[in-house]
Amino acid sequence: MSKPVLYGFWLSSCTWRVRAALHYKGIPYEEKQVDIVKSREQLSAEYRSISPSQKVPALVVDGVTLVESMAILQYLEDTYPKPSLLPSTPLLKARMREICETVVSGIQPLQNVGLASHFSTEQQYKDFTKYWTLRGLETLEDLLKTSSSSGQFCVGDHLTMADLCLVPQVYNALSRHNVDLAKFPTVAVLYDTLLKMPALRDTRPEIVRGKNKL
């Protein structure tokens, strides 16, 4: 059986979630870059045949094509269950989903590059995205004070989907808005700790960019 193919963009936080999950579960894969910024390759008819929403990521795996990062993560969890990306108890699973939803519904869609054309100026777009990034980090800071007991992971005692959502989003906040993480100490500690773990450290955007010589 051929290796899974991940269609993504090196700097996409949604793509990074899936890339990290594949790495963590030890699944060999090929990544094909879709330039969603300069060339806008996601808007081509060819890519639409892969992803109807014309967004990244998309994963071709086990003879099917899946889109939307969280759906992909759940499929990988169901089909490649070890090591697991889910915590062990119903409460911790709910805590994990609180964090995931805060990122994937409350922050990331409100800073999507596709929104830029709907603002009169680039500064308006930047102000809008920074506001919602900071608002989301405030929420995450409060949630993580409750859910992260060890200070190593967002919930529980091992890597979960919550961690795969948190790190790319914080990376985005730092690289795009130069956010001062001192205002979010719980987030800051977790980010520094998680970024040293192989699944996230070895799948960082700059590493992918270097491999693809973009």
N, C-alpha and C. Protein backbone atom coordinates (compact mmCIF):
# COMPACT_ATOMS: atom_id res chain seq x y z
N MET A 1 0.84 -1.20 0.00
CA MET A 1 0.00 0.00 0.00
C MET A 1 0.88 1.25 0.00
N SER A 2 0.51 2.23 -0.80
CA SER A 2 1.31 3.44 -0.91
C SER A 2 1.21 4.28 0.36
N LYS A 3 2.22 5.11 0.56
CA LYS A 3 2.24 5.98 1.73
C LYS A 3 1.13 7.02 1.63
N PRO A 4 0.57 7.45 2.77
CA PRO A 4 -0.37 8.57 2.75
C PRO A 4 0.29 9.81 2.15
N VAL A 5 -0.53 10.63 1.49
CA VAL A 5 -0.05 11.88 0.91
C VAL A 5 -0.79 13.03 1.60
N LEU A 6 0.00 13.92 2.19
CA LEU A 6 -0.55 15.08 2.87
C LEU A 6 -0.39 16.30 1.97
N TYR A 7 -1.52 16.88 1.58
CA TYR A 7 -1.50 18.14 0.84
C TYR A 7 -1.62 19.26 1.86
N GLY A 8 -0.62 20.12 1.92
CA GLY A 8 -0.64 21.17 2.92
C GLY A 8 0.24 22.33 2.53
N PHE A 9 0.32 23.29 3.42
CA PHE A 9 1.19 24.45 3.25
C PHE A 9 2.12 24.49 4.45
N TRP A 10 3.39 24.77 4.21
CA TRP A 10 4.39 24.63 5.27
C TRP A 10 4.07 25.46 6.52
N LEU A 11 3.43 26.63 6.33
CA LEU A 11 3.17 27.52 7.46
C LEU A 11 1.75 27.38 8.02
N SER A 12 0.96 26.49 7.45
CA SER A 12 -0.43 26.31 7.88
C SER A 12 -0.49 25.58 9.22
N SER A 13 -1.17 26.20 10.19
CA SER A 13 -1.32 25.56 11.51
C SER A 13 -2.16 24.29 11.41
N CYS A 14 -3.15 24.31 10.53
CA CYS A 14 -4.01 23.13 10.36
C CYS A 14 -3.21 21.96 9.79
N THR A 15 -2.34 22.26 8.83
CA THR A 15 -1.49 21.22 8.26
C THR A 15 -0.53 20.68 9.31
N TRP A 16 0.02 21.57 10.13
CA TRP A 16 0.98 21.14 11.15
C TRP A 16 0.34 20.15 12.12
N ARG A 17 -0.93 20.36 12.47
CA ARG A 17 -1.61 19.41 13.36
C ARG A 17 -1.55 17.99 12.79
N VAL A 18 -1.86 17.86 11.52
CA VAL A 18 -1.89 16.54 10.88
C VAL A 18 -0.49 15.99 10.73
N ARG A 19 0.44 16.83 10.32
CA ARG A 19 1.83 16.42 10.16
C ARG A 19 2.37 15.87 11.49
N ALA A 20 2.06 16.55 12.58
CA ALA A 20 2.53 16.10 13.89
C ALA A 20 1.89 14.78 14.29
N ALA A 21 0.63 14.61 13.98
CA ALA A 21 -0.05 13.35 14.31
C ALA A 21 0.55 12.18 13.54
N LEU A 22 0.84 12.38 12.27
CA LEU A 22 1.46 11.33 11.47
C LEU A 22 2.83 10.96 12.04
N HIS A 23 3.59 11.97 12.43
CA HIS A 23 4.90 11.73 13.02
C HIS A 23 4.76 10.98 14.34
N TYR A 24 3.88 11.44 15.20
CA TYR A 24 3.70 10.85 16.52
C TYR A 24 3.30 9.38 16.42
N LYS A 25 2.47 9.06 15.46
CA LYS A 25 1.98 7.68 15.31
C LYS A 25 2.92 6.83 14.46
N GLY A 26 4.01 7.43 13.98
CA GLY A 26 4.99 6.68 13.22
C GLY A 26 4.50 6.24 11.86
N ILE A 27 3.67 7.04 11.23
CA ILE A 27 3.11 6.71 9.92
C ILE A 27 3.94 7.40 8.84
N PRO A 28 4.64 6.65 8.01
CA PRO A 28 5.40 7.28 6.91
C PRO A 28 4.43 7.97 5.96
N TYR A 29 4.81 9.14 5.46
CA TYR A 29 3.92 9.88 4.57
C TYR A 29 4.72 10.78 3.65
N GLU A 30 4.08 11.22 2.61
CA GLU A 30 4.67 12.19 1.68
C GLU A 30 3.88 13.49 1.81
N GLU A 31 4.56 14.62 1.84
CA GLU A 31 3.87 15.91 1.91
C GLU A 31 4.05 16.67 0.60
N LYS A 32 2.94 17.08 0.02
CA LYS A 32 2.96 17.89 -1.19
C LYS A 32 2.50 19.30 -0.84
N GLN A 33 3.32 20.28 -1.19
CA GLN A 33 3.03 21.66 -0.83
C GLN A 33 1.99 22.28 -1.76
N VAL A 34 1.03 22.96 -1.15
CA VAL A 34 0.02 23.74 -1.87
C VAL A 34 0.21 25.18 -1.41
N ASP A 35 0.69 26.03 -2.28
CA ASP A 35 0.98 27.42 -1.92
C ASP A 35 -0.32 28.20 -1.82
N ILE A 36 -0.74 28.47 -0.59
CA ILE A 36 -2.03 29.15 -0.39
C ILE A 36 -1.88 30.67 -0.27
N VAL A 37 -0.63 31.17 -0.37
CA VAL A 37 -0.38 32.60 -0.18
C VAL A 37 -0.01 33.30 -1.48
N LYS A 38 1.10 32.89 -2.09
CA LYS A 38 1.58 33.59 -3.29
C LYS A 38 0.89 33.09 -4.55
N SER A 39 1.00 31.80 -4.81
CA SER A 39 0.44 31.25 -6.05
C SER A 39 -1.04 30.95 -5.95
N ARG A 40 -1.56 30.87 -4.71
CA ARG A 40 -2.98 30.56 -4.47
C ARG A 40 -3.40 29.26 -5.18
N GLU A 41 -2.54 28.27 -5.05
CA GLU A 41 -2.77 27.01 -5.75
C GLU A 41 -4.03 26.29 -5.27
N GLN A 42 -4.47 26.63 -4.07
CA GLN A 42 -5.66 25.98 -3.54
C GLN A 42 -6.92 26.32 -4.33
N LEU A 43 -6.86 27.40 -5.10
CA LEU A 43 -8.04 27.84 -5.86
C LEU A 43 -8.11 27.20 -7.24
N SER A 44 -7.17 26.35 -7.59
CA SER A 44 -7.16 25.71 -8.89
C SER A 44 -8.21 24.61 -8.96
N ALA A 45 -8.65 24.33 -10.18
CA ALA A 45 -9.62 23.25 -10.39
C ALA A 45 -9.02 21.91 -9.99
N GLU A 46 -7.71 21.78 -10.22
CA GLU A 46 -7.04 20.53 -9.87
C GLU A 46 -7.10 20.28 -8.37
N TYR A 47 -6.83 21.31 -7.57
CA TYR A 47 -6.86 21.09 -6.12
C TYR A 47 -8.30 20.97 -5.61
N ARG A 48 -9.23 21.64 -6.26
CA ARG A 48 -10.62 21.51 -5.83
C ARG A 48 -11.12 20.08 -5.98
N SER A 49 -10.57 19.36 -6.95
CA SER A 49 -10.95 17.96 -7.12
C SER A 49 -10.45 17.10 -5.96
N ILE A 50 -9.46 17.63 -5.23
CA ILE A 50 -8.95 16.94 -4.05
C ILE A 50 -9.68 17.40 -2.80
N SER A 51 -9.80 18.73 -2.64
CA SER A 51 -10.47 19.32 -1.48
C SER A 51 -11.57 20.26 -1.94
N PRO A 52 -12.83 19.89 -1.79
CA PRO A 52 -13.93 20.74 -2.28
C PRO A 52 -13.94 22.14 -1.67
N SER A 53 -13.45 22.29 -0.44
CA SER A 53 -13.44 23.61 0.20
C SER A 53 -12.26 24.46 -0.26
N GLN A 54 -11.34 23.84 -1.00
CA GLN A 54 -10.13 24.51 -1.49
C GLN A 54 -9.29 25.08 -0.35
N LYS A 55 -9.17 24.28 0.69
CA LYS A 55 -8.35 24.63 1.84
C LYS A 55 -7.38 23.48 2.13
N VAL A 56 -6.36 23.77 2.90
CA VAL A 56 -5.46 22.73 3.38
C VAL A 56 -5.73 22.49 4.86
N PRO A 57 -5.47 21.27 5.33
CA PRO A 57 -4.87 20.15 4.62
C PRO A 57 -5.91 19.22 4.00
N ALA A 58 -5.38 18.32 3.17
CA ALA A 58 -6.13 17.15 2.71
C ALA A 58 -5.19 15.97 2.83
N LEU A 59 -5.72 14.83 3.19
CA LEU A 59 -4.89 13.64 3.36
C LEU A 59 -5.46 12.50 2.54
N VAL A 60 -4.64 11.96 1.64
CA VAL A 60 -5.00 10.76 0.89
C VAL A 60 -4.42 9.57 1.64
N VAL A 61 -5.29 8.75 2.17
CA VAL A 61 -4.85 7.65 3.03
C VAL A 61 -5.82 6.48 2.89
N ASP A 62 -5.28 5.28 2.85
CA ASP A 62 -6.10 4.06 2.78
C ASP A 62 -7.09 4.11 1.63
N GLY A 63 -6.70 4.73 0.52
CA GLY A 63 -7.54 4.74 -0.67
C GLY A 63 -8.64 5.78 -0.66
N VAL A 64 -8.65 6.66 0.34
CA VAL A 64 -9.67 7.71 0.39
C VAL A 64 -8.99 9.06 0.61
N THR A 65 -9.72 10.14 0.35
CA THR A 65 -9.22 11.48 0.60
C THR A 65 -10.05 12.12 1.69
N LEU A 66 -9.38 12.63 2.71
CA LEU A 66 -10.05 13.27 3.84
C LEU A 66 -9.62 14.73 3.93
N VAL A 67 -10.58 15.59 4.30
CA VAL A 67 -10.28 17.01 4.50
C VAL A 67 -10.74 17.42 5.89
N GLU A 68 -10.30 18.61 6.30
CA GLU A 68 -10.54 19.17 7.64
C GLU A 68 -9.66 18.44 8.66
N SER A 69 -8.79 19.20 9.29
CA SER A 69 -7.75 18.62 10.13
C SER A 69 -8.29 17.77 11.27
N MET A 70 -9.36 18.20 11.92
CA MET A 70 -9.85 17.43 13.06
C MET A 70 -10.48 16.12 12.64
N ALA A 71 -11.13 16.11 11.47
CA ALA A 71 -11.67 14.85 10.94
C ALA A 71 -10.52 13.90 10.60
N ILE A 72 -9.44 14.46 10.06
CA ILE A 72 -8.28 13.64 9.74
C ILE A 72 -7.66 13.07 11.02
N LEU A 73 -7.51 13.90 12.04
CA LEU A 73 -6.94 13.42 13.31
C LEU A 73 -7.77 12.30 13.90
N GLN A 74 -9.09 12.42 13.84
CA GLN A 74 -9.95 11.38 14.40
C GLN A 74 -9.83 10.09 13.60
N TYR A 75 -9.73 10.20 12.28
CA TYR A 75 -9.56 9.00 11.45
C TYR A 75 -8.25 8.30 11.79
N LEU A 76 -7.18 9.08 11.91
CA LEU A 76 -5.90 8.49 12.25
C LEU A 76 -5.94 7.82 13.62
N GLU A 77 -6.66 8.44 14.55
CA GLU A 77 -6.80 7.85 15.89
C GLU A 77 -7.56 6.53 15.82
N ASP A 78 -8.58 6.47 14.99
CA ASP A 78 -9.41 5.27 14.89
C ASP A 78 -8.71 4.14 14.14
N THR A 79 -7.88 4.49 13.16
CA THR A 79 -7.26 3.47 12.32
C THR A 79 -5.83 3.13 12.73
N TYR A 80 -5.19 4.06 13.42
CA TYR A 80 -3.83 3.83 13.94
C TYR A 80 -3.85 4.23 15.42
N PRO A 81 -4.49 3.42 16.26
CA PRO A 81 -4.79 3.85 17.63
C PRO A 81 -3.60 3.95 18.58
N LYS A 82 -2.45 3.39 18.23
CA LYS A 82 -1.29 3.43 19.12
C LYS A 82 -0.13 4.14 18.44
N PRO A 83 0.49 5.07 19.14
CA PRO A 83 0.11 5.63 20.44
C PRO A 83 -1.10 6.54 20.30
N SER A 84 -1.89 6.58 21.34
CA SER A 84 -3.15 7.31 21.29
C SER A 84 -2.96 8.82 21.43
N LEU A 85 -3.85 9.55 20.76
CA LEU A 85 -3.90 11.01 20.91
C LEU A 85 -5.12 11.43 21.72
N LEU A 86 -5.70 10.49 22.44
CA LEU A 86 -6.84 10.78 23.31
C LEU A 86 -6.47 10.53 24.76
N PRO A 87 -6.97 11.34 25.68
CA PRO A 87 -6.76 11.06 27.11
C PRO A 87 -7.63 9.89 27.54
N SER A 88 -7.48 9.48 28.79
CA SER A 88 -8.05 8.20 29.23
C SER A 88 -9.45 8.28 29.83
N THR A 89 -9.91 9.46 30.24
CA THR A 89 -11.21 9.52 30.93
C THR A 89 -12.17 10.44 30.18
N PRO A 90 -13.48 10.24 30.37
CA PRO A 90 -14.46 11.10 29.72
C PRO A 90 -14.26 12.58 30.03
N LEU A 91 -13.93 12.91 31.28
CA LEU A 91 -13.74 14.31 31.64
C LEU A 91 -12.54 14.91 30.90
N LEU A 92 -11.43 14.17 30.86
CA LEU A 92 -10.25 14.68 30.17
C LEU A 92 -10.49 14.79 28.67
N LYS A 93 -11.28 13.89 28.12
CA LYS A 93 -11.62 14.00 26.71
C LYS A 93 -12.43 15.27 26.44
N ALA A 94 -13.32 15.57 27.36
CA ALA A 94 -14.10 16.81 27.23
C ALA A 94 -13.20 18.03 27.36
N ARG A 95 -12.25 18.00 28.29
CA ARG A 95 -11.30 19.10 28.45
C ARG A 95 -10.45 19.26 27.18
N MET A 96 -10.05 18.14 26.61
CA MET A 96 -9.28 18.19 25.37
C MET A 96 -10.08 18.88 24.27
N ARG A 97 -11.34 18.52 24.16
CA ARG A 97 -12.17 19.10 23.09
C ARG A 97 -12.46 20.57 23.34
N GLU A 98 -12.52 20.99 24.60
CA GLU A 98 -12.67 22.43 24.90
C GLU A 98 -11.50 23.21 24.29
N ILE A 99 -10.31 22.68 24.49
CA ILE A 99 -9.12 23.36 23.98
C ILE A 99 -9.08 23.32 22.46
N CYS A 100 -9.35 22.14 21.90
CA CYS A 100 -9.36 22.01 20.44
C CYS A 100 -10.36 22.97 19.81
N GLU A 101 -11.56 23.04 20.34
CA GLU A 101 -12.59 23.90 19.76
C GLU A 101 -12.24 25.38 19.91
N THR A 102 -11.62 25.73 21.02
CA THR A 102 -11.20 27.12 21.19
C THR A 102 -10.26 27.53 20.07
N VAL A 103 -9.37 26.62 19.68
CA VAL A 103 -8.42 26.91 18.60
C VAL A 103 -9.07 26.81 17.23
N VAL A 104 -9.70 25.67 16.95
CA VAL A 104 -10.15 25.42 15.57
C VAL A 104 -11.42 26.19 15.21
N SER A 105 -12.20 26.59 16.21
CA SER A 105 -13.42 27.36 15.94
C SER A 105 -13.32 28.81 16.36
N GLY A 106 -12.57 29.08 17.43
CA GLY A 106 -12.56 30.43 18.00
C GLY A 106 -11.39 31.31 17.62
N ILE A 107 -10.29 30.70 17.12
CA ILE A 107 -9.12 31.51 16.77
C ILE A 107 -8.77 31.36 15.29
N GLN A 108 -8.46 30.14 14.88
CA GLN A 108 -7.91 29.93 13.54
C GLN A 108 -8.78 30.46 12.39
N PRO A 109 -10.09 30.21 12.39
CA PRO A 109 -10.89 30.71 11.27
C PRO A 109 -10.92 32.23 11.17
N LEU A 110 -10.69 32.91 12.29
CA LEU A 110 -10.76 34.37 12.31
C LEU A 110 -9.42 35.03 11.95
N GLN A 111 -8.45 34.23 11.54
CA GLN A 111 -7.18 34.78 11.06
C GLN A 111 -6.77 34.14 9.75
N ASN A 112 -7.70 33.42 9.14
CA ASN A 112 -7.43 32.74 7.88
C ASN A 112 -6.99 33.74 6.81
N VAL A 113 -6.01 33.36 5.99
CA VAL A 113 -5.50 34.26 4.95
C VAL A 113 -6.59 34.63 3.94
N GLY A 114 -7.59 33.77 3.80
CA GLY A 114 -8.66 34.05 2.86
C GLY A 114 -9.53 35.22 3.26
N LEU A 115 -9.42 35.66 4.52
CA LEU A 115 -10.22 36.80 4.98
C LEU A 115 -9.64 38.14 4.55
N ALA A 116 -8.37 38.16 4.21
CA ALA A 116 -7.67 39.43 3.97
C ALA A 116 -8.36 40.27 2.91
N SER A 117 -8.86 39.65 1.86
CA SER A 117 -9.46 40.40 0.75
C SER A 117 -10.78 41.06 1.13
N HIS A 118 -11.33 40.72 2.30
CA HIS A 118 -12.61 41.28 2.73
C HIS A 118 -12.43 42.53 3.60
N PHE A 119 -11.19 42.97 3.77
CA PHE A 119 -10.91 44.18 4.55
C PHE A 119 -10.41 45.28 3.62
N SER A 120 -10.73 46.52 3.98
CA SER A 120 -10.34 47.65 3.14
C SER A 120 -8.83 47.84 3.09
N THR A 121 -8.17 47.58 4.21
CA THR A 121 -6.72 47.73 4.26
C THR A 121 -6.08 46.53 4.94
N GLU A 122 -4.80 46.35 4.68
CA GLU A 122 -4.06 45.27 5.31
C GLU A 122 -4.00 45.46 6.82
N GLN A 123 -3.91 46.73 7.26
CA GLN A 123 -3.85 46.99 8.70
C GLN A 123 -5.13 46.59 9.40
N GLN A 124 -6.27 46.83 8.77
CA GLN A 124 -7.54 46.41 9.36
C GLN A 124 -7.57 44.90 9.55
N TYR A 125 -7.08 44.20 8.55
CA TYR A 125 -7.03 42.74 8.63
C TYR A 125 -6.11 42.30 9.77
N LYS A 126 -4.94 42.93 9.89
CA LYS A 126 -4.00 42.58 10.95
C LYS A 126 -4.58 42.88 12.33
N ASP A 127 -5.23 44.01 12.46
CA ASP A 127 -5.83 44.38 13.75
C ASP A 127 -6.91 43.38 14.15
N PHE A 128 -7.71 42.98 13.18
CA PHE A 128 -8.79 42.02 13.42
C PHE A 128 -8.23 40.67 13.87
N THR A 129 -7.25 40.17 13.11
CA THR A 129 -6.70 38.86 13.44
C THR A 129 -5.95 38.88 14.77
N LYS A 130 -5.27 39.97 15.07
CA LYS A 130 -4.54 40.04 16.35
C LYS A 130 -5.53 40.09 17.52
N TYR A 131 -6.62 40.83 17.37
CA TYR A 131 -7.61 40.90 18.45
C TYR A 131 -8.12 39.51 18.79
N TRP A 132 -8.49 38.73 17.77
CA TRP A 132 -9.07 37.41 18.04
C TRP A 132 -8.02 36.41 18.48
N THR A 133 -6.79 36.62 18.07
CA THR A 133 -5.71 35.78 18.57
C THR A 133 -5.52 36.00 20.07
N LEU A 134 -5.46 37.26 20.49
CA LEU A 134 -5.29 37.57 21.91
C LEU A 134 -6.49 37.11 22.74
N ARG A 135 -7.67 37.31 22.19
CA ARG A 135 -8.89 36.87 22.90
C ARG A 135 -8.88 35.35 23.08
N GLY A 136 -8.45 34.64 22.05
CA GLY A 136 -8.37 33.19 22.14
C GLY A 136 -7.32 32.72 23.12
N LEU A 137 -6.18 33.41 23.16
CA LEU A 137 -5.14 33.05 24.12
C LEU A 137 -5.59 33.28 25.56
N GLU A 138 -6.38 34.32 25.77
CA GLU A 138 -6.94 34.55 27.10
C GLU A 138 -7.82 33.37 27.52
N THR A 139 -8.62 32.90 26.59
CA THR A 139 -9.48 31.74 26.88
C THR A 139 -8.65 30.50 27.17
N LEU A 140 -7.65 30.26 26.34
CA LEU A 140 -6.80 29.09 26.54
C LEU A 140 -6.07 29.15 27.88
N GLU A 141 -5.60 30.33 28.24
CA GLU A 141 -4.91 30.48 29.53
C GLU A 141 -5.81 30.03 30.68
N ASP A 142 -7.06 30.46 30.66
CA ASP A 142 -7.99 30.08 31.73
C ASP A 142 -8.32 28.59 31.69
N LEU A 143 -8.53 28.05 30.49
CA LEU A 143 -8.85 26.63 30.38
C LEU A 143 -7.68 25.75 30.82
N LEU A 144 -6.48 26.13 30.44
CA LEU A 144 -5.32 25.31 30.75
C LEU A 144 -4.96 25.32 32.24
N LYS A 145 -5.33 26.38 32.93
CA LYS A 145 -5.12 26.41 34.38
C LYS A 145 -5.90 25.29 35.06
N THR A 146 -7.02 24.91 34.44
CA THR A 146 -7.85 23.83 34.98
C THR A 146 -7.43 22.46 34.47
N SER A 147 -7.09 22.38 33.18
CA SER A 147 -6.90 21.07 32.55
C SER A 147 -5.48 20.53 32.65
N SER A 148 -4.47 21.40 32.73
CA SER A 148 -3.09 20.95 32.70
C SER A 148 -2.55 20.81 34.12
N SER A 149 -2.56 19.59 34.61
CA SER A 149 -2.12 19.36 35.99
C SER A 149 -0.61 19.19 36.09
N SER A 150 0.02 18.64 35.04
CA SER A 150 1.45 18.37 35.11
C SER A 150 2.30 19.51 34.56
N GLY A 151 1.71 20.36 33.73
CA GLY A 151 2.49 21.41 33.09
C GLY A 151 3.26 20.93 31.88
N GLN A 152 3.10 19.65 31.54
CA GLN A 152 3.77 19.09 30.37
C GLN A 152 2.84 18.96 29.17
N PHE A 153 1.58 18.68 29.44
CA PHE A 153 0.59 18.46 28.39
C PHE A 153 -0.67 19.26 28.69
N CYS A 154 -1.44 19.52 27.67
CA CYS A 154 -2.68 20.29 27.88
C CYS A 154 -3.64 19.55 28.80
N VAL A 155 -3.76 18.24 28.59
CA VAL A 155 -4.60 17.40 29.45
C VAL A 155 -3.91 16.05 29.62
N GLY A 156 -4.17 15.40 30.75
CA GLY A 156 -3.66 14.05 30.94
C GLY A 156 -2.16 13.96 31.03
N ASP A 157 -1.65 12.75 30.74
CA ASP A 157 -0.22 12.48 30.95
C ASP A 157 0.53 12.14 29.67
N HIS A 158 -0.06 12.43 28.53
CA HIS A 158 0.65 12.23 27.26
C HIS A 158 0.09 13.18 26.21
N LEU A 159 0.73 13.20 25.07
CA LEU A 159 0.33 14.08 23.97
C LEU A 159 -1.09 13.76 23.52
N THR A 160 -1.89 14.79 23.29
CA THR A 160 -3.24 14.60 22.76
C THR A 160 -3.50 15.60 21.63
N MET A 161 -4.68 15.50 21.05
CA MET A 161 -5.07 16.43 19.99
C MET A 161 -5.02 17.88 20.46
N ALA A 162 -5.27 18.10 21.75
CA ALA A 162 -5.22 19.46 22.28
C ALA A 162 -3.83 20.07 22.11
N ASP A 163 -2.80 19.28 22.37
CA ASP A 163 -1.43 19.76 22.20
C ASP A 163 -1.12 20.08 20.74
N LEU A 164 -1.65 19.23 19.85
CA LEU A 164 -1.41 19.44 18.42
C LEU A 164 -2.15 20.66 17.89
N CYS A 165 -3.17 21.09 18.60
CA CYS A 165 -3.85 22.33 18.23
C CYS A 165 -3.17 23.54 18.86
N LEU A 166 -2.74 23.39 20.10
CA LEU A 166 -2.17 24.54 20.83
C LEU A 166 -0.87 25.04 20.21
N VAL A 167 0.07 24.16 19.99
CA VAL A 167 1.41 24.59 19.58
C VAL A 167 1.41 25.36 18.25
N PRO A 168 0.79 24.84 17.18
CA PRO A 168 0.78 25.62 15.94
C PRO A 168 0.10 26.98 16.08
N GLN A 169 -0.93 27.04 16.93
CA GLN A 169 -1.62 28.32 17.09
C GLN A 169 -0.78 29.34 17.83
N VAL A 170 -0.05 28.89 18.84
CA VAL A 170 0.84 29.81 19.56
C VAL A 170 2.01 30.22 18.65
N TYR A 171 2.54 29.28 17.91
CA TYR A 171 3.60 29.59 16.95
C TYR A 171 3.12 30.68 15.99
N ASN A 172 1.89 30.55 15.52
CA ASN A 172 1.30 31.53 14.63
C ASN A 172 1.20 32.90 15.30
N ALA A 173 0.77 32.91 16.56
CA ALA A 173 0.64 34.17 17.30
C ALA A 173 1.98 34.87 17.45
N LEU A 174 3.03 34.09 17.66
CA LEU A 174 4.36 34.67 17.82
C LEU A 174 4.93 35.16 16.49
N SER A 175 4.75 34.37 15.44
CA SER A 175 5.37 34.71 14.17
C SER A 175 4.61 35.81 13.44
N ARG A 176 3.29 35.88 13.60
CA ARG A 176 2.50 36.87 12.88
C ARG A 176 2.31 38.16 13.66
N HIS A 177 2.17 38.03 14.99
CA HIS A 177 1.80 39.18 15.80
C HIS A 177 2.79 39.52 16.91
N ASN A 178 3.86 38.73 17.01
CA ASN A 178 4.86 38.99 18.05
C ASN A 178 4.21 39.15 19.42
N VAL A 179 3.28 38.26 19.72
CA VAL A 179 2.54 38.30 20.98
C VAL A 179 3.48 38.09 22.17
N ASP A 180 3.27 38.84 23.23
CA ASP A 180 4.04 38.70 24.46
C ASP A 180 3.41 37.59 25.30
N LEU A 181 4.07 36.44 25.34
CA LEU A 181 3.51 35.30 26.07
C LEU A 181 3.61 35.45 27.58
N ALA A 182 4.32 36.47 28.03
CA ALA A 182 4.38 36.72 29.47
C ALA A 182 2.98 36.97 30.04
N LYS A 183 2.09 37.42 29.20
CA LYS A 183 0.71 37.67 29.63
C LYS A 183 -0.08 36.37 29.76
N PHE A 184 0.49 35.28 29.24
CA PHE A 184 -0.20 33.99 29.26
C PHE A 184 0.78 32.93 29.77
N PRO A 185 1.10 32.96 31.06
CA PRO A 185 2.19 32.12 31.59
C PRO A 185 1.95 30.62 31.45
N THR A 186 0.70 30.18 31.62
CA THR A 186 0.42 28.75 31.50
C THR A 186 0.60 28.30 30.06
N VAL A 187 0.10 29.09 29.13
CA VAL A 187 0.28 28.81 27.71
C VAL A 187 1.77 28.78 27.37
N ALA A 188 2.52 29.75 27.89
CA ALA A 188 3.95 29.87 27.57
C ALA A 188 4.73 28.64 28.02
N VAL A 189 4.47 28.17 29.24
CA VAL A 189 5.19 27.01 29.76
C VAL A 189 4.89 25.77 28.92
N LEU A 190 3.62 25.56 28.62
CA LEU A 190 3.24 24.40 27.81
C LEU A 190 3.84 24.48 26.42
N TYR A 191 3.80 25.64 25.81
CA TYR A 191 4.34 25.80 24.47
C TYR A 191 5.82 25.45 24.44
N ASP A 192 6.58 25.98 25.37
CA ASP A 192 8.02 25.71 25.41
C ASP A 192 8.30 24.22 25.62
N THR A 193 7.52 23.59 26.49
CA THR A 193 7.70 22.16 26.77
C THR A 193 7.33 21.30 25.58
N LEU A 194 6.17 21.58 25.01
CA LEU A 194 5.66 20.76 23.91
C LEU A 194 6.50 20.88 22.65
N LEU A 195 7.05 22.06 22.41
CA LEU A 195 7.81 22.28 21.20
C LEU A 195 9.12 21.48 21.20
N LYS A 196 9.51 20.95 22.35
CA LYS A 196 10.72 20.13 22.44
C LYS A 196 10.43 18.66 22.16
N MET A 197 9.16 18.30 22.08
CA MET A 197 8.80 16.91 21.84
C MET A 197 8.91 16.59 20.35
N PRO A 198 9.47 15.42 20.00
CA PRO A 198 9.79 15.11 18.61
C PRO A 198 8.65 15.32 17.62
N ALA A 199 7.43 14.94 17.99
CA ALA A 199 6.32 15.05 17.05
C ALA A 199 6.06 16.49 16.62
N LEU A 200 6.35 17.44 17.50
CA LEU A 200 6.16 18.85 17.19
C LEU A 200 7.47 19.53 16.80
N ARG A 201 8.54 19.16 17.46
CA ARG A 201 9.86 19.75 17.15
C ARG A 201 10.29 19.43 15.72
N ASP A 202 10.10 18.17 15.30
CA ASP A 202 10.61 17.72 14.01
C ASP A 202 9.66 18.00 12.85
N THR A 203 8.52 18.59 13.13
CA THR A 203 7.56 18.90 12.06
C THR A 203 7.30 20.40 11.98
N ARG A 204 8.18 21.21 12.58
CA ARG A 204 8.03 22.66 12.58
C ARG A 204 8.01 23.21 11.16
N PRO A 205 7.31 24.31 10.93
CA PRO A 205 7.20 24.88 9.59
C PRO A 205 8.55 25.15 8.92
N GLU A 206 9.52 25.68 9.67
CA GLU A 206 10.79 26.01 9.03
C GLU A 206 11.53 24.78 8.55
N ILE A 207 11.31 23.62 9.22
CA ILE A 207 11.93 22.39 8.78
C ILE A 207 11.30 21.93 7.47
N VAL A 208 9.99 22.00 7.40
CA VAL A 208 9.28 21.60 6.18
C VAL A 208 9.66 22.53 5.04
N ARG A 209 9.76 23.81 5.33
CA ARG A 209 10.14 24.77 4.29
C ARG A 209 11.53 24.48 3.76
N GLY A 210 12.46 24.15 4.67
CA GLY A 210 13.81 23.83 4.25
C GLY A 210 13.87 22.60 3.37
N LYS A 211 13.09 21.59 3.72
CA LYS A 211 13.07 20.36 2.93
C LYS A 211 12.55 20.59 1.52
N ASN A 212 11.59 21.49 1.42
CA ASN A 212 10.96 21.76 0.13
C ASN A 212 11.60 22.93 -0.62
N LYS A 213 12.59 23.57 0.03
CA LYS A 213 13.33 24.67 -0.60
C LYS A 213 12.38 25.75 -1.15
N LEU A 214 11.43 26.14 -0.33
CA LEU A 214 10.46 27.14 -0.77
C LEU A 214 11.02 28.54 -0.65
